[in-house]
Amino acid sequence: MDIESIRQYCLSKKATTEGFPFDDNTLVFKVAGKIYLATNLNALPLRITLKCDPEKAIDLRERYESIIPGYHSNKKHWNTMALNGEIPKNIIHKLINHSYDLVIKKLPKKVKEQHSLIS
């Protein structure tokens, strides 16, 4: 997967915005103002950092060589994944969804309502 397909997938999600809050190279995707995906546009291969349930994070790191503890993130709750072809596209999408859902779950009810995120 390339950055444009990641970008399109993320922007298709409700209440998602993109921006460069840290520097000109680090693109982040937020839901209701909270980060759920970050990537350095200069990294080769492209790597994305995603929020992840701690137990699932460990399982993924053991299963895939290209998934490591989150770079510049809380290693317990974030994974960094190299998009080098090892992980199938459908799994990448599932992990992006998982990160997005974890962030939404922690939002206050009022914020969820403001962004039409209550199901």
PDB file of N, CA and C in Angstrom:
ATOM      1  N   MET A   1       0.838  -1.188   0.000  1.00  0.00           N
ATOM      2  CA  MET A   1       0.000   0.000   0.000  1.00  0.00           C
ATOM      3  C   MET A   1       0.878   1.244   0.000  1.00  0.00           C
ATOM      4  N   ASP A   2       0.400   2.264  -0.657  1.00  0.00           N
ATOM      5  CA  ASP A   2       1.142   3.521  -0.693  1.00  0.00           C
ATOM      6  C   ASP A   2       0.403   4.578   0.122  1.00  0.00           C
ATOM      7  N   ILE A   3       1.024   5.727   0.284  1.00  0.00           N
ATOM      8  CA  ILE A   3       0.458   6.779   1.124  1.00  0.00           C
ATOM      9  C   ILE A   3      -0.891   7.256   0.593  1.00  0.00           C
ATOM     10  N   GLU A   4      -1.052   7.314  -0.711  1.00  0.00           N
ATOM     11  CA  GLU A   4      -2.318   7.819  -1.238  1.00  0.00           C
ATOM     12  C   GLU A   4      -3.468   6.862  -0.928  1.00  0.00           C
ATOM     13  N   SER A   5      -3.246   5.560  -0.990  1.00  0.00           N
ATOM     14  CA  SER A   5      -4.323   4.619  -0.655  1.00  0.00           C
ATOM     15  C   SER A   5      -4.622   4.656   0.849  1.00  0.00           C
ATOM     16  N   ILE A   6      -3.600   4.825   1.671  1.00  0.00           N
ATOM     17  CA  ILE A   6      -3.811   4.981   3.121  1.00  0.00           C
ATOM     18  C   ILE A   6      -4.611   6.256   3.369  1.00  0.00           C
ATOM     19  N   ARG A   7      -4.223   7.322   2.718  1.00  0.00           N
ATOM     20  CA  ARG A   7      -4.876   8.623   2.874  1.00  0.00           C
ATOM     21  C   ARG A   7      -6.354   8.542   2.485  1.00  0.00           C
ATOM     22  N   GLN A   8      -6.624   7.969   1.337  1.00  0.00           N
ATOM     23  CA  GLN A   8      -8.016   7.842   0.877  1.00  0.00           C
ATOM     24  C   GLN A   8      -8.841   6.992   1.835  1.00  0.00           C
ATOM     25  N   TYR A   9      -8.255   5.917   2.322  1.00  0.00           N
ATOM     26  CA  TYR A   9      -8.976   5.052   3.252  1.00  0.00           C
ATOM     27  C   TYR A   9      -9.315   5.803   4.542  1.00  0.00           C
ATOM     28  N   CYS A  10      -8.337   6.499   5.089  1.00  0.00           N
ATOM     29  CA  CYS A  10      -8.566   7.239   6.337  1.00  0.00           C
ATOM     30  C   CYS A  10      -9.593   8.351   6.147  1.00  0.00           C
ATOM     31  N   LEU A  11      -9.468   9.095   5.060  1.00  0.00           N
ATOM     32  CA  LEU A  11     -10.384  10.212   4.843  1.00  0.00           C
ATOM     33  C   LEU A  11     -11.811   9.760   4.557  1.00  0.00           C
ATOM     34  N   SER A  12     -11.999   8.487   4.229  1.00  0.00           N
ATOM     35  CA  SER A  12     -13.352   7.969   4.021  1.00  0.00           C
ATOM     36  C   SER A  12     -14.069   7.719   5.351  1.00  0.00           C
ATOM     37  N   LYS A  13     -13.331   7.774   6.449  1.00  0.00           N
ATOM     38  CA  LYS A  13     -13.902   7.522   7.767  1.00  0.00           C
ATOM     39  C   LYS A  13     -14.510   8.800   8.337  1.00  0.00           C
ATOM     40  N   LYS A  14     -15.643   8.652   8.973  1.00  0.00           N
ATOM     41  CA  LYS A  14     -16.400   9.776   9.528  1.00  0.00           C
ATOM     42  C   LYS A  14     -15.550  10.603  10.509  1.00  0.00           C
ATOM     43  N   ALA A  15     -15.653  11.926  10.384  1.00  0.00           N
ATOM     44  CA  ALA A  15     -15.015  12.899  11.284  1.00  0.00           C
ATOM     45  C   ALA A  15     -13.491  12.853  11.242  1.00  0.00           C
ATOM     46  N   THR A  16     -12.906  12.330  10.161  1.00  0.00           N
ATOM     47  CA  THR A  16     -11.456  12.266  10.032  1.00  0.00           C
ATOM     48  C   THR A  16     -10.925  13.534   9.377  1.00  0.00           C
ATOM     49  N   THR A  17      -9.836  14.022   9.945  1.00  0.00           N
ATOM     50  CA  THR A  17      -9.096  15.142   9.361  1.00  0.00           C
ATOM     51  C   THR A  17      -7.637  14.730   9.238  1.00  0.00           C
ATOM     52  N   GLU A  18      -6.913  15.418   8.378  1.00  0.00           N
ATOM     53  CA  GLU A  18      -5.489  15.150   8.225  1.00  0.00           C
ATOM     54  C   GLU A  18      -4.719  16.440   8.458  1.00  0.00           C
ATOM     55  N   GLY A  19      -3.464  16.310   8.853  1.00  0.00           N
ATOM     56  CA  GLY A  19      -2.658  17.494   9.067  1.00  0.00           C
ATOM     57  C   GLY A  19      -1.224  17.145   9.407  1.00  0.00           C
ATOM     58  N   PHE A  20      -0.433  18.202   9.602  1.00  0.00           N
ATOM     59  CA  PHE A  20       0.991  18.089   9.923  1.00  0.00           C
ATOM     60  C   PHE A  20       1.268  18.853  11.224  1.00  0.00           C
ATOM     61  N   PRO A  21       0.810  18.336  12.374  1.00  0.00           N
ATOM     62  CA  PRO A  21       0.965  19.084  13.623  1.00  0.00           C
ATOM     63  C   PRO A  21       2.385  19.114  14.190  1.00  0.00           C
ATOM     64  N   PHE A  22       3.242  18.202  13.756  1.00  0.00           N
ATOM     65  CA  PHE A  22       4.578  18.100  14.338  1.00  0.00           C
ATOM     66  C   PHE A  22       5.669  18.707  13.468  1.00  0.00           C
ATOM     67  N   ASP A  23       5.630  18.405  12.179  1.00  0.00           N
ATOM     68  CA  ASP A  23       6.629  18.900  11.230  1.00  0.00           C
ATOM     69  C   ASP A  23       6.085  18.693   9.816  1.00  0.00           C
ATOM     70  N   ASP A  24       6.874  19.034   8.813  1.00  0.00           N
ATOM     71  CA  ASP A  24       6.423  18.928   7.423  1.00  0.00           C
ATOM     72  C   ASP A  24       6.409  17.507   6.878  1.00  0.00           C
ATOM     73  N   ASN A  25       6.950  16.552   7.628  1.00  0.00           N
ATOM     74  CA  ASN A  25       7.054  15.175   7.145  1.00  0.00           C
ATOM     75  C   ASN A  25       6.090  14.206   7.814  1.00  0.00           C
ATOM     76  N   THR A  26       5.571  14.561   8.982  1.00  0.00           N
ATOM     77  CA  THR A  26       4.738  13.643   9.743  1.00  0.00           C
ATOM     78  C   THR A  26       3.265  13.962   9.527  1.00  0.00           C
ATOM     79  N   LEU A  27       2.631  13.144   8.708  1.00  0.00           N
ATOM     80  CA  LEU A  27       1.212  13.285   8.406  1.00  0.00           C
ATOM     81  C   LEU A  27       0.421  12.494   9.439  1.00  0.00           C
ATOM     82  N   VAL A  28      -0.592  13.128  10.026  1.00  0.00           N
ATOM     83  CA  VAL A  28      -1.431  12.434  10.995  1.00  0.00           C
ATOM     84  C   VAL A  28      -2.888  12.505  10.571  1.00  0.00           C
ATOM     85  N   PHE A  29      -3.617  11.483  10.968  1.00  0.00           N
ATOM     86  CA  PHE A  29      -5.059  11.426  10.749  1.00  0.00           C
ATOM     87  C   PHE A  29      -5.708  11.385  12.124  1.00  0.00           C
ATOM     88  N   LYS A  30      -6.705  12.250  12.297  1.00  0.00           N
ATOM     89  CA  LYS A  30      -7.396  12.365  13.570  1.00  0.00           C
ATOM     90  C   LYS A  30      -8.890  12.140  13.372  1.00  0.00           C
ATOM     91  N   VAL A  31      -9.511  11.603  14.405  1.00  0.00           N
ATOM     92  CA  VAL A  31     -10.965  11.537  14.465  1.00  0.00           C
ATOM     93  C   VAL A  31     -11.365  12.426  15.637  1.00  0.00           C
ATOM     94  N   ALA A  32     -12.219  13.404  15.355  1.00  0.00           N
ATOM     95  CA  ALA A  32     -12.677  14.344  16.384  1.00  0.00           C
ATOM     96  C   ALA A  32     -11.499  14.945  17.148  1.00  0.00           C
ATOM     97  N   GLY A  33     -10.412  15.234  16.435  1.00  0.00           N
ATOM     98  CA  GLY A  33      -9.253  15.893  17.037  1.00  0.00           C
ATOM     99  C   GLY A  33      -8.247  14.993  17.716  1.00  0.00           C
ATOM    100  N   LYS A  34      -8.455  13.679  17.706  1.00  0.00           N
ATOM    101  CA  LYS A  34      -7.540  12.729  18.362  1.00  0.00           C
ATOM    102  C   LYS A  34      -6.864  11.849  17.314  1.00  0.00           C
ATOM    103  N   ILE A  35      -5.557  11.713  17.424  1.00  0.00           N
ATOM    104  CA  ILE A  35      -4.771  10.945  16.450  1.00  0.00           C
ATOM    105  C   ILE A  35      -5.089   9.456  16.522  1.00  0.00           C
ATOM    106  N   TYR A  36      -5.284   8.862  15.333  1.00  0.00           N
ATOM    107  CA  TYR A  36      -5.400   7.400  15.259  1.00  0.00           C
ATOM    108  C   TYR A  36      -4.395   6.798  14.280  1.00  0.00           C
ATOM    109  N   LEU A  37      -3.736   7.624  13.460  1.00  0.00           N
ATOM    110  CA  LEU A  37      -2.701   7.131  12.546  1.00  0.00           C
ATOM    111  C   LEU A  37      -1.697   8.250  12.306  1.00  0.00           C
ATOM    112  N   ALA A  38      -0.420   7.893  12.341  1.00  0.00           N
ATOM    113  CA  ALA A  38       0.650   8.839  12.018  1.00  0.00           C
ATOM    114  C   ALA A  38       1.622   8.150  11.082  1.00  0.00           C
ATOM    115  N   THR A  39       2.208   8.923  10.172  1.00  0.00           N
ATOM    116  CA  THR A  39       3.195   8.366   9.254  1.00  0.00           C
ATOM    117  C   THR A  39       4.213   9.428   8.877  1.00  0.00           C
ATOM    118  N   ASN A  40       5.452   8.998   8.713  1.00  0.00           N
ATOM    119  CA  ASN A  40       6.502   9.888   8.222  1.00  0.00           C
ATOM    120  C   ASN A  40       6.579   9.685   6.713  1.00  0.00           C
ATOM    121  N   LEU A  41       6.290  10.734   5.976  1.00  0.00           N
ATOM    122  CA  LEU A  41       6.238  10.627   4.514  1.00  0.00           C
ATOM    123  C   LEU A  41       7.590  10.314   3.878  1.00  0.00           C
ATOM    124  N   ASN A  42       8.679  10.521   4.611  1.00  0.00           N
ATOM    125  CA  ASN A  42      10.021  10.254   4.062  1.00  0.00           C
ATOM    126  C   ASN A  42      10.519   8.840   4.336  1.00  0.00           C
ATOM    127  N   ALA A  43       9.795   8.081   5.137  1.00  0.00           N
ATOM    128  CA  ALA A  43      10.245   6.734   5.501  1.00  0.00           C
ATOM    129  C   ALA A  43      10.094   5.778   4.319  1.00  0.00           C
ATOM    130  N   LEU A  44      11.118   4.981   4.092  1.00  0.00           N
ATOM    131  CA  LEU A  44      11.079   3.936   3.076  1.00  0.00           C
ATOM    132  C   LEU A  44      11.519   2.628   3.717  1.00  0.00           C
ATOM    133  N   PRO A  45      10.697   1.595   3.721  1.00  0.00           N
ATOM    134  CA  PRO A  45       9.336   1.623   3.214  1.00  0.00           C
ATOM    135  C   PRO A  45       8.454   2.503   4.103  1.00  0.00           C
ATOM    136  N   LEU A  46       7.289   2.858   3.573  1.00  0.00           N
ATOM    137  CA  LEU A  46       6.331   3.646   4.329  1.00  0.00           C
ATOM    138  C   LEU A  46       5.971   2.901   5.608  1.00  0.00           C
ATOM    139  N   ARG A  47       5.898   3.634   6.713  1.00  0.00           N
ATOM    140  CA  ARG A  47       5.514   3.049   7.996  1.00  0.00           C
ATOM    141  C   ARG A  47       4.354   3.859   8.566  1.00  0.00           C
ATOM    142  N   ILE A  48       3.412   3.154   9.171  1.00  0.00           N
ATOM    143  CA  ILE A  48       2.302   3.829   9.833  1.00  0.00           C
ATOM    144  C   ILE A  48       2.283   3.412  11.299  1.00  0.00           C
ATOM    145  N   THR A  49       1.920   4.347  12.156  1.00  0.00           N
ATOM    146  CA  THR A  49       1.805   4.079  13.584  1.00  0.00           C
ATOM    147  C   THR A  49       0.329   4.166  13.951  1.00  0.00           C
ATOM    148  N   LEU A  50      -0.152   3.105  14.598  1.00  0.00           N
ATOM    149  CA  LEU A  50      -1.570   2.954  14.913  1.00  0.00           C
ATOM    150  C   LEU A  50      -1.768   2.616  16.380  1.00  0.00           C
ATOM    151  N   LYS A  51      -2.848   3.117  16.951  1.00  0.00           N
ATOM    152  CA  LYS A  51      -3.251   2.744  18.297  1.00  0.00           C
ATOM    153  C   LYS A  51      -3.700   1.283  18.259  1.00  0.00           C
ATOM    154  N   CYS A  52      -3.451   0.556  19.357  1.00  0.00           N
ATOM    155  CA  CYS A  52      -3.791  -0.863  19.376  1.00  0.00           C
ATOM    156  C   CYS A  52      -4.024  -1.322  20.813  1.00  0.00           C
ATOM    157  N   ASP A  53      -4.985  -2.220  20.974  1.00  0.00           N
ATOM    158  CA  ASP A  53      -5.202  -2.852  22.268  1.00  0.00           C
ATOM    159  C   ASP A  53      -3.888  -3.505  22.705  1.00  0.00           C
ATOM    160  N   PRO A  54      -3.454  -3.321  23.963  1.00  0.00           N
ATOM    161  CA  PRO A  54      -2.141  -3.840  24.393  1.00  0.00           C
ATOM    162  C   PRO A  54      -1.910  -5.330  24.142  1.00  0.00           C
ATOM    163  N   GLU A  55      -2.896  -6.172  24.414  1.00  0.00           N
ATOM    164  CA  GLU A  55      -2.707  -7.611  24.184  1.00  0.00           C
ATOM    165  C   GLU A  55      -2.608  -7.923  22.695  1.00  0.00           C
ATOM    166  N   LYS A  56      -3.450  -7.275  21.910  1.00  0.00           N
ATOM    167  CA  LYS A  56      -3.421  -7.465  20.461  1.00  0.00           C
ATOM    168  C   LYS A  56      -2.095  -6.945  19.892  1.00  0.00           C
ATOM    169  N   ALA A  57      -1.589  -5.841  20.462  1.00  0.00           N
ATOM    170  CA  ALA A  57      -0.322  -5.261  19.998  1.00  0.00           C
ATOM    171  C   ALA A  57       0.814  -6.280  20.119  1.00  0.00           C
ATOM    172  N   ILE A  58       0.870  -6.963  21.245  1.00  0.00           N
ATOM    173  CA  ILE A  58       1.923  -7.964  21.459  1.00  0.00           C
ATOM    174  C   ILE A  58       1.766  -9.114  20.478  1.00  0.00           C
ATOM    175  N   ASP A  59       0.531  -9.583  20.307  1.00  0.00           N
ATOM    176  CA  ASP A  59       0.263 -10.680  19.371  1.00  0.00           C
ATOM    177  C   ASP A  59       0.709 -10.307  17.949  1.00  0.00           C
ATOM    178  N   LEU A  60       0.371  -9.102  17.525  1.00  0.00           N
ATOM    179  CA  LEU A  60       0.751  -8.658  16.171  1.00  0.00           C
ATOM    180  C   LEU A  60       2.271  -8.576  16.012  1.00  0.00           C
ATOM    181  N   ARG A  61       2.965  -8.092  17.032  1.00  0.00           N
ATOM    182  CA  ARG A  61       4.436  -7.992  16.979  1.00  0.00           C
ATOM    183  C   ARG A  61       5.069  -9.366  16.876  1.00  0.00           C
ATOM    184  N   GLU A  62       4.457 -10.358  17.521  1.00  0.00           N
ATOM    185  CA  GLU A  62       4.982 -11.726  17.454  1.00  0.00           C
ATOM    186  C   GLU A  62       4.673 -12.373  16.110  1.00  0.00           C
ATOM    187  N   ARG A  63       3.553 -12.006  15.512  1.00  0.00           N
ATOM    188  CA  ARG A  63       3.112 -12.616  14.258  1.00  0.00           C
ATOM    189  C   ARG A  63       3.809 -12.020  13.032  1.00  0.00           C
ATOM    190  N   TYR A  64       4.064 -10.714  13.053  1.00  0.00           N
ATOM    191  CA  TYR A  64       4.616 -10.029  11.880  1.00  0.00           C
ATOM    192  C   TYR A  64       5.940  -9.350  12.215  1.00  0.00           C
ATOM    193  N   GLU A  65       6.950  -9.652  11.429  1.00  0.00           N
ATOM    194  CA  GLU A  65       8.253  -9.005  11.596  1.00  0.00           C
ATOM    195  C   GLU A  65       8.195  -7.502  11.377  1.00  0.00           C
ATOM    196  N   SER A  66       7.289  -7.072  10.509  1.00  0.00           N
ATOM    197  CA  SER A  66       7.218  -5.662  10.143  1.00  0.00           C
ATOM    198  C   SER A  66       6.387  -4.820  11.115  1.00  0.00           C
ATOM    199  N   ILE A  67       5.924  -5.409  12.222  1.00  0.00           N
ATOM    200  CA  ILE A  67       5.216  -4.642  13.248  1.00  0.00           C
ATOM    201  C   ILE A  67       6.079  -4.604  14.505  1.00  0.00           C
ATOM    202  N   ILE A  68       6.356  -3.383  14.948  1.00  0.00           N
ATOM    203  CA  ILE A  68       7.195  -3.157  16.123  1.00  0.00           C
ATOM    204  C   ILE A  68       6.465  -2.207  17.082  1.00  0.00           C
ATOM    205  N   PRO A  69       6.953  -2.085  18.328  1.00  0.00           N
ATOM    206  CA  PRO A  69       6.343  -1.111  19.235  1.00  0.00           C
ATOM    207  C   PRO A  69       6.358   0.284  18.605  1.00  0.00           C
ATOM    208  N   GLY A  70       5.356   1.064  18.910  1.00  0.00           N
ATOM    209  CA  GLY A  70       5.170   2.377  18.295  1.00  0.00           C
ATOM    210  C   GLY A  70       6.375   3.290  18.389  1.00  0.00           C
ATOM    211  N   TYR A  71       6.796   3.795  17.250  1.00  0.00           N
ATOM    212  CA  TYR A  71       7.925   4.710  17.161  1.00  0.00           C
ATOM    213  C   TYR A  71       7.491   6.068  17.716  1.00  0.00           C
ATOM    214  N   HIS A  72       8.241   6.618  18.653  1.00  0.00           N
ATOM    215  CA  HIS A  72       7.915   7.892  19.307  1.00  0.00           C
ATOM    216  C   HIS A  72       6.512   7.890  19.911  1.00  0.00           C
ATOM    217  N   SER A  73       6.079   6.728  20.414  1.00  0.00           N
ATOM    218  CA  SER A  73       4.728   6.590  20.973  1.00  0.00           C
ATOM    219  C   SER A  73       4.788   5.718  22.222  1.00  0.00           C
ATOM    220  N   ASN A  74       3.685   5.667  22.940  1.00  0.00           N
ATOM    221  CA  ASN A  74       3.558   4.763  24.072  1.00  0.00           C
ATOM    222  C   ASN A  74       3.616   3.332  23.525  1.00  0.00           C
ATOM    223  N   LYS A  75       4.661   2.616  23.856  1.00  0.00           N
ATOM    224  CA  LYS A  75       4.908   1.286  23.290  1.00  0.00           C
ATOM    225  C   LYS A  75       3.834   0.263  23.673  1.00  0.00           C
ATOM    226  N   LYS A  76       3.109   0.539  24.745  1.00  0.00           N
ATOM    227  CA  LYS A  76       2.059  -0.378  25.186  1.00  0.00           C
ATOM    228  C   LYS A  76       0.814  -0.255  24.301  1.00  0.00           C
ATOM    229  N   HIS A  77       0.514   0.954  23.839  1.00  0.00           N
ATOM    230  CA  HIS A  77      -0.744   1.215  23.144  1.00  0.00           C
ATOM    231  C   HIS A  77      -0.610   1.521  21.654  1.00  0.00           C
ATOM    232  N   TRP A  78       0.601   1.568  21.141  1.00  0.00           N
ATOM    233  CA  TRP A  78       0.795   1.930  19.730  1.00  0.00           C
ATOM    234  C   TRP A  78       1.773   0.967  19.071  1.00  0.00           C
ATOM    235  N   ASN A  79       1.494   0.623  17.815  1.00  0.00           N
ATOM    236  CA  ASN A  79       2.383  -0.191  16.985  1.00  0.00           C
ATOM    237  C   ASN A  79       2.781   0.605  15.748  1.00  0.00           C
ATOM    238  N   THR A  80       3.995   0.379  15.281  1.00  0.00           N
ATOM    239  CA  THR A  80       4.434   0.921  14.002  1.00  0.00           C
ATOM    240  C   THR A  80       4.583  -0.247  13.051  1.00  0.00           C
ATOM    241  N   MET A  81       4.009  -0.076  11.862  1.00  0.00           N
ATOM    242  CA  MET A  81       3.963  -1.141  10.869  1.00  0.00           C
ATOM    243  C   MET A  81       4.636  -0.691   9.576  1.00  0.00           C
ATOM    244  N   ALA A  82       5.631  -1.431   9.133  1.00  0.00           N
ATOM    245  CA  ALA A  82       6.274  -1.153   7.848  1.00  0.00           C
ATOM    246  C   ALA A  82       5.407  -1.751   6.749  1.00  0.00           C
ATOM    247  N   LEU A  83       5.063  -0.925   5.773  1.00  0.00           N
ATOM    248  CA  LEU A  83       4.226  -1.400   4.661  1.00  0.00           C
ATOM    249  C   LEU A  83       5.141  -1.912   3.547  1.00  0.00           C
ATOM    250  N   ASN A  84       5.719  -3.082   3.815  1.00  0.00           N
ATOM    251  CA  ASN A  84       6.722  -3.678   2.932  1.00  0.00           C
ATOM    252  C   ASN A  84       6.194  -4.888   2.165  1.00  0.00           C
ATOM    253  N   GLY A  85       4.871  -5.120   2.229  1.00  0.00           N
ATOM    254  CA  GLY A  85       4.278  -6.239   1.511  1.00  0.00           C
ATOM    255  C   GLY A  85       4.013  -7.458   2.370  1.00  0.00           C
ATOM    256  N   GLU A  86       4.538  -7.499   3.580  1.00  0.00           N
ATOM    257  CA  GLU A  86       4.328  -8.667   4.449  1.00  0.00           C
ATOM    258  C   GLU A  86       2.872  -8.775   4.911  1.00  0.00           C
ATOM    259  N   ILE A  87       2.252  -7.646   5.200  1.00  0.00           N
ATOM    260  CA  ILE A  87       0.904  -7.643   5.771  1.00  0.00           C
ATOM    261  C   ILE A  87      -0.113  -7.367   4.667  1.00  0.00           C
ATOM    262  N   PRO A  88      -1.091  -8.250   4.498  1.00  0.00           N
ATOM    263  CA  PRO A  88      -2.098  -8.060   3.455  1.00  0.00           C
ATOM    264  C   PRO A  88      -2.908  -6.779   3.665  1.00  0.00           C
ATOM    265  N   LYS A  89      -3.379  -6.226   2.564  1.00  0.00           N
ATOM    266  CA  LYS A  89      -4.150  -4.977   2.577  1.00  0.00           C
ATOM    267  C   LYS A  89      -5.357  -5.076   3.506  1.00  0.00           C
ATOM    268  N   ASN A  90      -6.070  -6.201   3.489  1.00  0.00           N
ATOM    269  CA  ASN A  90      -7.260  -6.320   4.338  1.00  0.00           C
ATOM    270  C   ASN A  90      -6.904  -6.275   5.821  1.00  0.00           C
ATOM    271  N   ILE A  91      -5.740  -6.786   6.193  1.00  0.00           N
ATOM    272  CA  ILE A  91      -5.290  -6.730   7.594  1.00  0.00           C
ATOM    273  C   ILE A  91      -4.912  -5.289   7.950  1.00  0.00           C
ATOM    274  N   ILE A  92      -4.262  -4.592   7.043  1.00  0.00           N
ATOM    275  CA  ILE A  92      -3.910  -3.184   7.278  1.00  0.00           C
ATOM    276  C   ILE A  92      -5.189  -2.379   7.506  1.00  0.00           C
ATOM    277  N   HIS A  93      -6.193  -2.606   6.680  1.00  0.00           N
ATOM    278  CA  HIS A  93      -7.471  -1.911   6.858  1.00  0.00           C
ATOM    279  C   HIS A  93      -8.105  -2.248   8.206  1.00  0.00           C
ATOM    280  N   LYS A  94      -8.060  -3.511   8.598  1.00  0.00           N
ATOM    281  CA  LYS A  94      -8.617  -3.914   9.898  1.00  0.00           C
ATOM    282  C   LYS A  94      -7.891  -3.219  11.046  1.00  0.00           C
ATOM    283  N   LEU A  95      -6.581  -3.072  10.925  1.00  0.00           N
ATOM    284  CA  LEU A  95      -5.811  -2.437  11.996  1.00  0.00           C
ATOM    285  C   LEU A  95      -6.052  -0.926  12.038  1.00  0.00           C
ATOM    286  N   ILE A  96      -6.261  -0.312  10.882  1.00  0.00           N
ATOM    287  CA  ILE A  96      -6.634   1.107  10.854  1.00  0.00           C
ATOM    288  C   ILE A  96      -8.012   1.262  11.509  1.00  0.00           C
ATOM    289  N   ASN A  97      -8.944   0.384  11.164  1.00  0.00           N
ATOM    290  CA  ASN A  97     -10.278   0.421  11.774  1.00  0.00           C
ATOM    291  C   ASN A  97     -10.197   0.250  13.290  1.00  0.00           C
ATOM    292  N   HIS A  98      -9.361  -0.665  13.718  1.00  0.00           N
ATOM    293  CA  HIS A  98      -9.195  -0.936  15.152  1.00  0.00           C
ATOM    294  C   HIS A  98      -8.687   0.322  15.866  1.00  0.00           C
ATOM    295  N   SER A  99      -7.699   0.980  15.300  1.00  0.00           N
ATOM    296  CA  SER A  99      -7.145   2.200  15.883  1.00  0.00           C
ATOM    297  C   SER A  99      -8.215   3.291  15.952  1.00  0.00           C
ATOM    298  N   TYR A 100      -8.910   3.496  14.852  1.00  0.00           N
ATOM    299  CA  TYR A 100      -9.990   4.490  14.766  1.00  0.00           C
ATOM    300  C   TYR A 100     -11.050   4.209  15.836  1.00  0.00           C
ATOM    301  N   ASP A 101     -11.475   2.946  15.943  1.00  0.00           N
ATOM    302  CA  ASP A 101     -12.508   2.570  16.909  1.00  0.00           C
ATOM    303  C   ASP A 101     -12.050   2.759  18.351  1.00  0.00           C
ATOM    304  N   LEU A 102     -10.780   2.447  18.644  1.00  0.00           N
ATOM    305  CA  LEU A 102     -10.262   2.642  20.000  1.00  0.00           C
ATOM    306  C   LEU A 102     -10.286   4.114  20.391  1.00  0.00           C
ATOM    307  N   VAL A 103      -9.932   4.974  19.451  1.00  0.00           N
ATOM    308  CA  VAL A 103      -9.934   6.412  19.739  1.00  0.00           C
ATOM    309  C   VAL A 103     -11.364   6.893  19.977  1.00  0.00           C
ATOM    310  N   ILE A 104     -12.293   6.478  19.134  1.00  0.00           N
ATOM    311  CA  ILE A 104     -13.695   6.886  19.303  1.00  0.00           C
ATOM    312  C   ILE A 104     -14.239   6.415  20.652  1.00  0.00           C
ATOM    313  N   LYS A 105     -13.883   5.208  21.024  1.00  0.00           N
ATOM    314  CA  LYS A 105     -14.374   4.621  22.278  1.00  0.00           C
ATOM    315  C   LYS A 105     -14.024   5.501  23.479  1.00  0.00           C
ATOM    316  N   LYS A 106     -12.878   6.165  23.445  1.00  0.00           N
ATOM    317  CA  LYS A 106     -12.403   6.987  24.568  1.00  0.00           C
ATOM    318  C   LYS A 106     -12.938   8.425  24.540  1.00  0.00           C
ATOM    319  N   LEU A 107     -13.592   8.812  23.457  1.00  0.00           N
ATOM    320  CA  LEU A 107     -14.113  10.176  23.362  1.00  0.00           C
ATOM    321  C   LEU A 107     -15.302  10.367  24.297  1.00  0.00           C
ATOM    322  N   PRO A 108     -15.433  11.570  24.857  1.00  0.00           N
ATOM    323  CA  PRO A 108     -16.625  11.851  25.669  1.00  0.00           C
ATOM    324  C   PRO A 108     -17.884  11.784  24.806  1.00  0.00           C
ATOM    325  N   LYS A 109     -18.985  11.433  25.429  1.00  0.00           N
ATOM    326  CA  LYS A 109     -20.255  11.285  24.715  1.00  0.00           C
ATOM    327  C   LYS A 109     -20.613  12.561  23.955  1.00  0.00           C
ATOM    328  N   LYS A 110     -20.390  13.707  24.556  1.00  0.00           N
ATOM    329  CA  LYS A 110     -20.713  14.988  23.926  1.00  0.00           C
ATOM    330  C   LYS A 110     -19.933  15.168  22.613  1.00  0.00           C
ATOM    331  N   VAL A 111     -18.671  14.801  22.620  1.00  0.00           N
ATOM    332  CA  VAL A 111     -17.835  14.910  21.412  1.00  0.00           C
ATOM    333  C   VAL A 111     -18.332  13.935  20.350  1.00  0.00           C
ATOM    334  N   LYS A 112     -18.666  12.726  20.758  1.00  0.00           N
ATOM    335  CA  LYS A 112     -19.207  11.731  19.812  1.00  0.00           C
ATOM    336  C   LYS A 112     -20.486  12.269  19.167  1.00  0.00           C
ATOM    337  N   GLU A 113     -21.336  12.871  19.959  1.00  0.00           N
ATOM    338  CA  GLU A 113     -22.583  13.424  19.432  1.00  0.00           C
ATOM    339  C   GLU A 113     -22.302  14.562  18.455  1.00  0.00           C
ATOM    340  N   GLN A 114     -21.371  15.444  18.800  1.00  0.00           N
ATOM    341  CA  GLN A 114     -21.027  16.586  17.937  1.00  0.00           C
ATOM    342  C   GLN A 114     -20.558  16.144  16.563  1.00  0.00           C
ATOM    343  N   HIS A 115     -19.868  15.000  16.514  1.00  0.00           N
ATOM    344  CA  HIS A 115     -19.290  14.501  15.273  1.00  0.00           C
ATOM    345  C   HIS A 115     -20.088  13.354  14.669  1.00  0.00           C
ATOM    346  N   SER A 116     -21.291  13.119  15.185  1.00  0.00           N
ATOM    347  CA  SER A 116     -22.173  12.038  14.712  1.00  0.00           C
ATOM    348  C   SER A 116     -21.470  10.677  14.723  1.00  0.00           C
ATOM    349  N   LEU A 117     -20.800  10.390  15.833  1.00  0.00           N
ATOM    350  CA  LEU A 117     -20.045   9.141  15.958  1.00  0.00           C
ATOM    351  C   LEU A 117     -20.738   8.121  16.852  1.00  0.00           C
ATOM    352  N   ILE A 118     -21.942   8.421  17.296  1.00  0.00           N
ATOM    353  CA  ILE A 118     -22.666   7.480  18.151  1.00  0.00           C
ATOM    354  C   ILE A 118     -23.475   6.553  17.255  1.00  0.00           C
ATOM    355  N   SER A 119     -23.287   5.244  17.489  1.00  0.00           N
ATOM    356  CA  SER A 119     -24.008   4.282  16.650  1.00  0.00           C
ATOM    357  C   SER A 119     -25.285   3.817  17.291  1.00  0.00           C
TER     358      SER A 119
END
